[in-house]
Amino acid sequence: MVDLAGATARRRPTPAMVIAILWAAALFFPAIQAGNYTITSLFFLLWGRSGLMILDIDWLANPLVLCVTLLLLGHVQRPRTMTALGVALFVLLVKSAARATMIVNENQNSVAIDHHLAGWYLWIAAQIVALAAICVAVAEPRAMGLALRTRKNP
C-alpha cells in the first residue's frame, strides 16, 4: 500500500485559485434575465467591452480581477497598486450591483433586469474574494505569502 499523504502535501486553495475558479465557472452559466432575454456571462465577457462606447464600464471589472489574480499568483505585493485596484474594483462592484436596467439591442433599448442568475453571482463572488484578498494583502502581506517590493532610492 502506497502512502500518498506523505509523498505530496495537501495544498490549501490560495485566494488567486479561488478567484480564478469562480470567475471561470461564471462563464458557463447564464448571468441575467431581462424581459425575454437571457444573457450568458460568456456573452458579457466577449461583447461587454462594446459598452465602453456608451460609458457602461462594468466590463472593466474583468481586467481588474485578472490583474489582482496575476499579482497574487506572482507572490508580489505592491501596496499602492493593490490599493488602487481595490478601490476601482469596489466602485465597479457597487455599480454592477446597483444596475437595474440593461441595453439589449443596437437601438439602445433598455429593459429592466428581472433576475440575476448563477453566472452573475459567481462573477460578483470572484470580485468579492479579490477585494478580500487585496485587503489582506495590503494589511498583512506576509500572511498571504507575498514579498514586499519597494523602490530603491538612488
C-alpha atoms as a PDB file:
ATOM      1  CA  MET A   1       0.000   0.000   0.000  1.00  0.00           C
ATOM      2  CA  VAL A   2       1.383   3.377  -1.012  1.00  0.00           C
ATOM      3  CA  ASP A   3       1.133   6.279   1.407  1.00  0.00           C
ATOM      4  CA  LEU A   4       0.268   9.247  -0.786  1.00  0.00           C
ATOM      5  CA  ALA A   5      -0.292  11.565   2.167  1.00  0.00           C
ATOM      6  CA  GLY A   6       3.405  11.648   2.949  1.00  0.00           C
ATOM      7  CA  ALA A   7       4.509  11.971  -0.664  1.00  0.00           C
ATOM      8  CA  THR A   8       2.516  15.054  -1.523  1.00  0.00           C
ATOM      9  CA  ALA A   9       1.482  17.644   0.973  1.00  0.00           C
ATOM     10  CA  ARG A  10      -2.090  18.831   0.685  1.00  0.00           C
ATOM     11  CA  ARG A  11      -2.215  22.356  -0.574  1.00  0.00           C
ATOM     12  CA  ARG A  12      -4.791  24.813   0.573  1.00  0.00           C
ATOM     13  CA  PRO A  13      -6.518  26.758  -2.166  1.00  0.00           C
ATOM     14  CA  THR A  14      -4.980  30.199  -2.469  1.00  0.00           C
ATOM     15  CA  PRO A  15      -7.133  33.293  -2.971  1.00  0.00           C
ATOM     16  CA  ALA A  16      -5.852  33.534  -6.551  1.00  0.00           C
ATOM     17  CA  MET A  17      -7.041  29.976  -7.241  1.00  0.00           C
ATOM     18  CA  VAL A  18     -10.462  30.685  -5.716  1.00  0.00           C
ATOM     19  CA  ILE A  19     -10.820  33.894  -7.757  1.00  0.00           C
ATOM     20  CA  ALA A  20      -9.847  32.108 -10.982  1.00  0.00           C
ATOM     21  CA  ILE A  21     -12.209  29.185 -10.330  1.00  0.00           C
ATOM     22  CA  LEU A  22     -15.176  31.439  -9.514  1.00  0.00           C
ATOM     23  CA  TRP A  23     -14.534  33.691 -12.494  1.00  0.00           C
ATOM     24  CA  ALA A  24     -14.080  30.777 -14.915  1.00  0.00           C
ATOM     25  CA  ALA A  25     -17.159  28.968 -13.551  1.00  0.00           C
ATOM     26  CA  ALA A  26     -19.235  32.106 -14.119  1.00  0.00           C
ATOM     27  CA  LEU A  27     -18.595  31.846 -17.854  1.00  0.00           C
ATOM     28  CA  PHE A  28     -20.577  28.609 -18.115  1.00  0.00           C
ATOM     29  CA  PHE A  29     -23.808  29.962 -16.613  1.00  0.00           C
ATOM     30  CA  PRO A  30     -26.455  32.468 -17.649  1.00  0.00           C
ATOM     31  CA  ALA A  31     -25.998  35.792 -15.882  1.00  0.00           C
ATOM     32  CA  ILE A  32     -29.083  37.950 -16.312  1.00  0.00           C
ATOM     33  CA  GLN A  33     -32.745  37.540 -17.177  1.00  0.00           C
ATOM     34  CA  ALA A  34     -34.105  40.785 -18.621  1.00  0.00           C
ATOM     35  CA  GLY A  35     -37.508  40.664 -20.243  1.00  0.00           C
ATOM     36  CA  ASN A  36     -37.448  37.946 -22.896  1.00  0.00           C
ATOM     37  CA  TYR A  37     -33.650  37.900 -22.918  1.00  0.00           C
ATOM     38  CA  THR A  38     -31.371  35.536 -21.025  1.00  0.00           C
ATOM     39  CA  ILE A  39     -27.780  36.665 -21.364  1.00  0.00           C
ATOM     40  CA  THR A  40     -24.822  34.415 -20.574  1.00  0.00           C
ATOM     41  CA  SER A  41     -21.674  35.507 -18.776  1.00  0.00           C
ATOM     42  CA  LEU A  42     -19.581  34.500 -21.774  1.00  0.00           C
ATOM     43  CA  PHE A  43     -21.591  36.904 -23.945  1.00  0.00           C
ATOM     44  CA  PHE A  44     -20.908  39.702 -21.441  1.00  0.00           C
ATOM     45  CA  LEU A  45     -17.201  38.891 -21.451  1.00  0.00           C
ATOM     46  CA  LEU A  46     -16.939  38.845 -25.244  1.00  0.00           C
ATOM     47  CA  TRP A  47     -19.191  41.814 -26.024  1.00  0.00           C
ATOM     48  CA  GLY A  48     -19.075  43.813 -22.797  1.00  0.00           C
ATOM     49  CA  ARG A  49     -16.209  45.985 -23.960  1.00  0.00           C
ATOM     50  CA  SER A  50     -18.526  47.469 -26.590  1.00  0.00           C
ATOM     51  CA  GLY A  51     -20.408  49.051 -23.685  1.00  0.00           C
ATOM     52  CA  LEU A  52     -17.415  51.301 -23.118  1.00  0.00           C
ATOM     53  CA  MET A  53     -18.578  53.349 -26.108  1.00  0.00           C
ATOM     54  CA  ILE A  54     -21.687  54.361 -24.170  1.00  0.00           C
ATOM     55  CA  LEU A  55     -19.803  54.700 -20.857  1.00  0.00           C
ATOM     56  CA  ASP A  56     -21.032  51.386 -19.469  1.00  0.00           C
ATOM     57  CA  ILE A  57     -17.898  50.498 -17.515  1.00  0.00           C
ATOM     58  CA  ASP A  58     -18.982  47.351 -15.649  1.00  0.00           C
ATOM     59  CA  TRP A  59     -16.960  45.154 -18.029  1.00  0.00           C
ATOM     60  CA  LEU A  60     -13.727  46.721 -16.724  1.00  0.00           C
ATOM     61  CA  ALA A  61     -14.039  44.577 -13.593  1.00  0.00           C
ATOM     62  CA  ASN A  62     -12.787  41.626 -15.669  1.00  0.00           C
ATOM     63  CA  PRO A  63      -9.281  43.011 -16.384  1.00  0.00           C
ATOM     64  CA  LEU A  64      -9.074  44.265 -12.795  1.00  0.00           C
ATOM     65  CA  VAL A  65      -9.846  40.800 -11.416  1.00  0.00           C
ATOM     66  CA  LEU A  66      -7.240  39.391 -13.812  1.00  0.00           C
ATOM     67  CA  CYS A  67      -4.616  41.893 -12.581  1.00  0.00           C
ATOM     68  CA  VAL A  68      -5.330  41.061  -8.934  1.00  0.00           C
ATOM     69  CA  THR A  69      -5.116  37.334  -9.669  1.00  0.00           C
ATOM     70  CA  LEU A  70      -1.806  37.716 -11.503  1.00  0.00           C
ATOM     71  CA  LEU A  71      -0.315  39.841  -8.713  1.00  0.00           C
ATOM     72  CA  LEU A  72      -1.376  37.253  -6.140  1.00  0.00           C
ATOM     73  CA  LEU A  73      -0.061  34.371  -8.254  1.00  0.00           C
ATOM     74  CA  GLY A  74       3.256  36.173  -8.670  1.00  0.00           C
ATOM     75  CA  HIS A  75       3.543  36.444  -4.875  1.00  0.00           C
ATOM     76  CA  VAL A  76       4.354  40.119  -5.247  1.00  0.00           C
ATOM     77  CA  GLN A  77       2.786  42.762  -3.103  1.00  0.00           C
ATOM     78  CA  ARG A  78       2.696  46.341  -4.292  1.00  0.00           C
ATOM     79  CA  PRO A  79       0.640  48.252  -1.717  1.00  0.00           C
ATOM     80  CA  ARG A  80      -0.210  51.254  -3.898  1.00  0.00           C
ATOM     81  CA  THR A  81      -1.080  49.161  -6.927  1.00  0.00           C
ATOM     82  CA  MET A  82      -3.201  46.762  -4.872  1.00  0.00           C
ATOM     83  CA  THR A  83      -4.980  49.650  -3.148  1.00  0.00           C
ATOM     84  CA  ALA A  84      -5.747  51.361  -6.474  1.00  0.00           C
ATOM     85  CA  LEU A  85      -7.028  48.076  -7.925  1.00  0.00           C
ATOM     86  CA  GLY A  86      -9.159  47.536  -4.827  1.00  0.00           C
ATOM     87  CA  VAL A  87     -10.763  50.968  -4.981  1.00  0.00           C
ATOM     88  CA  ALA A  88     -11.514  50.640  -8.703  1.00  0.00           C
ATOM     89  CA  LEU A  89     -12.874  47.118  -8.245  1.00  0.00           C
ATOM     90  CA  PHE A  90     -15.072  48.246  -5.341  1.00  0.00           C
ATOM     91  CA  VAL A  91     -16.548  51.088  -7.412  1.00  0.00           C
ATOM     92  CA  LEU A  92     -17.302  48.715 -10.291  1.00  0.00           C
ATOM     93  CA  LEU A  93     -18.766  46.129  -7.913  1.00  0.00           C
ATOM     94  CA  VAL A  94     -21.156  48.665  -6.404  1.00  0.00           C
ATOM     95  CA  LYS A  95     -22.092  49.956  -9.865  1.00  0.00           C
ATOM     96  CA  SER A  96     -22.777  46.403 -11.100  1.00  0.00           C
ATOM     97  CA  ALA A  97     -24.854  45.539  -8.045  1.00  0.00           C
ATOM     98  CA  ALA A  98     -26.928  48.726  -8.380  1.00  0.00           C
ATOM     99  CA  ARG A  99     -27.736  48.186 -12.051  1.00  0.00           C
ATOM    100  CA  ALA A 100     -31.484  47.976 -12.643  1.00  0.00           C
ATOM    101  CA  THR A 101     -31.654  48.058 -16.451  1.00  0.00           C
ATOM    102  CA  MET A 102     -29.561  46.960 -19.381  1.00  0.00           C
ATOM    103  CA  ILE A 103     -29.379  47.775 -23.067  1.00  0.00           C
ATOM    104  CA  VAL A 104     -30.465  44.794 -25.133  1.00  0.00           C
ATOM    105  CA  ASN A 105     -30.021  45.828 -28.775  1.00  0.00           C
ATOM    106  CA  GLU A 106     -28.248  48.220 -31.116  1.00  0.00           C
ATOM    107  CA  ASN A 107     -31.099  50.768 -30.841  1.00  0.00           C
ATOM    108  CA  GLN A 108     -30.111  51.143 -27.199  1.00  0.00           C
ATOM    109  CA  ASN A 109     -33.481  49.967 -25.930  1.00  0.00           C
ATOM    110  CA  SER A 110     -33.174  49.248 -22.259  1.00  0.00           C
ATOM    111  CA  VAL A 111     -35.030  46.547 -20.377  1.00  0.00           C
ATOM    112  CA  ALA A 112     -35.418  46.114 -16.637  1.00  0.00           C
ATOM    113  CA  ILE A 113     -33.326  43.316 -15.170  1.00  0.00           C
ATOM    114  CA  ASP A 114     -35.774  40.736 -13.839  1.00  0.00           C
ATOM    115  CA  HIS A 115     -33.362  38.266 -12.255  1.00  0.00           C
ATOM    116  CA  HIS A 116     -29.679  37.855 -11.604  1.00  0.00           C
ATOM    117  CA  LEU A 117     -28.700  34.283 -12.357  1.00  0.00           C
ATOM    118  CA  ALA A 118     -25.858  31.955 -11.290  1.00  0.00           C
ATOM    119  CA  GLY A 119     -23.249  33.408 -13.648  1.00  0.00           C
ATOM    120  CA  TRP A 120     -23.752  36.900 -12.250  1.00  0.00           C
ATOM    121  CA  TYR A 121     -23.479  35.685  -8.649  1.00  0.00           C
ATOM    122  CA  LEU A 122     -20.279  33.749  -9.414  1.00  0.00           C
ATOM    123  CA  TRP A 123     -18.808  36.831 -11.138  1.00  0.00           C
ATOM    124  CA  ILE A 124     -19.695  39.004  -8.134  1.00  0.00           C
ATOM    125  CA  ALA A 125     -18.271  36.365  -5.758  1.00  0.00           C
ATOM    126  CA  ALA A 126     -14.958  36.421  -7.677  1.00  0.00           C
ATOM    127  CA  GLN A 127     -14.843  40.192  -7.241  1.00  0.00           C
ATOM    128  CA  ILE A 128     -15.624  39.960  -3.514  1.00  0.00           C
ATOM    129  CA  VAL A 129     -12.891  37.357  -2.974  1.00  0.00           C
ATOM    130  CA  ALA A 130     -10.496  39.595  -4.950  1.00  0.00           C
ATOM    131  CA  LEU A 131     -11.395  42.558  -2.717  1.00  0.00           C
ATOM    132  CA  ALA A 132     -10.906  40.471   0.429  1.00  0.00           C
ATOM    133  CA  ALA A 133      -7.541  39.240  -0.875  1.00  0.00           C
ATOM    134  CA  ILE A 134      -6.492  42.831  -1.590  1.00  0.00           C
ATOM    135  CA  CYS A 135      -7.433  43.898   1.944  1.00  0.00           C
ATOM    136  CA  VAL A 136      -5.442  41.064   3.494  1.00  0.00           C
ATOM    137  CA  ALA A 137      -2.511  41.539   1.101  1.00  0.00           C
ATOM    138  CA  VAL A 138      -2.222  45.239   1.906  1.00  0.00           C
ATOM    139  CA  ALA A 139      -2.733  44.822   5.662  1.00  0.00           C
ATOM    140  CA  GLU A 140      -0.740  41.604   6.188  1.00  0.00           C
ATOM    141  CA  PRO A 141       1.443  40.783   3.179  1.00  0.00           C
ATOM    142  CA  ARG A 142       3.294  38.009   4.981  1.00  0.00           C
ATOM    143  CA  ALA A 143       0.008  36.226   5.769  1.00  0.00           C
ATOM    144  CA  MET A 144      -0.566  35.954   2.016  1.00  0.00           C
ATOM    145  CA  GLY A 145       2.982  34.765   1.378  1.00  0.00           C
ATOM    146  CA  LEU A 146       3.761  37.912  -0.571  1.00  0.00           C
ATOM    147  CA  ALA A 147       7.171  39.505  -0.897  1.00  0.00           C
ATOM    148  CA  LEU A 148       7.155  43.252  -0.461  1.00  0.00           C
ATOM    149  CA  ARG A 149       8.714  45.087  -3.390  1.00  0.00           C
ATOM    150  CA  THR A 150       9.972  48.534  -2.686  1.00  0.00           C
ATOM    151  CA  ARG A 151      11.790  51.053  -4.813  1.00  0.00           C
ATOM    152  CA  LYS A 152      15.468  51.590  -4.215  1.00  0.00           C
ATOM    153  CA  ASN A 153      16.341  55.198  -3.603  1.00  0.00           C
ATOM    154  CA  PRO A 154      19.394  56.383  -5.565  1.00  0.00           C
END
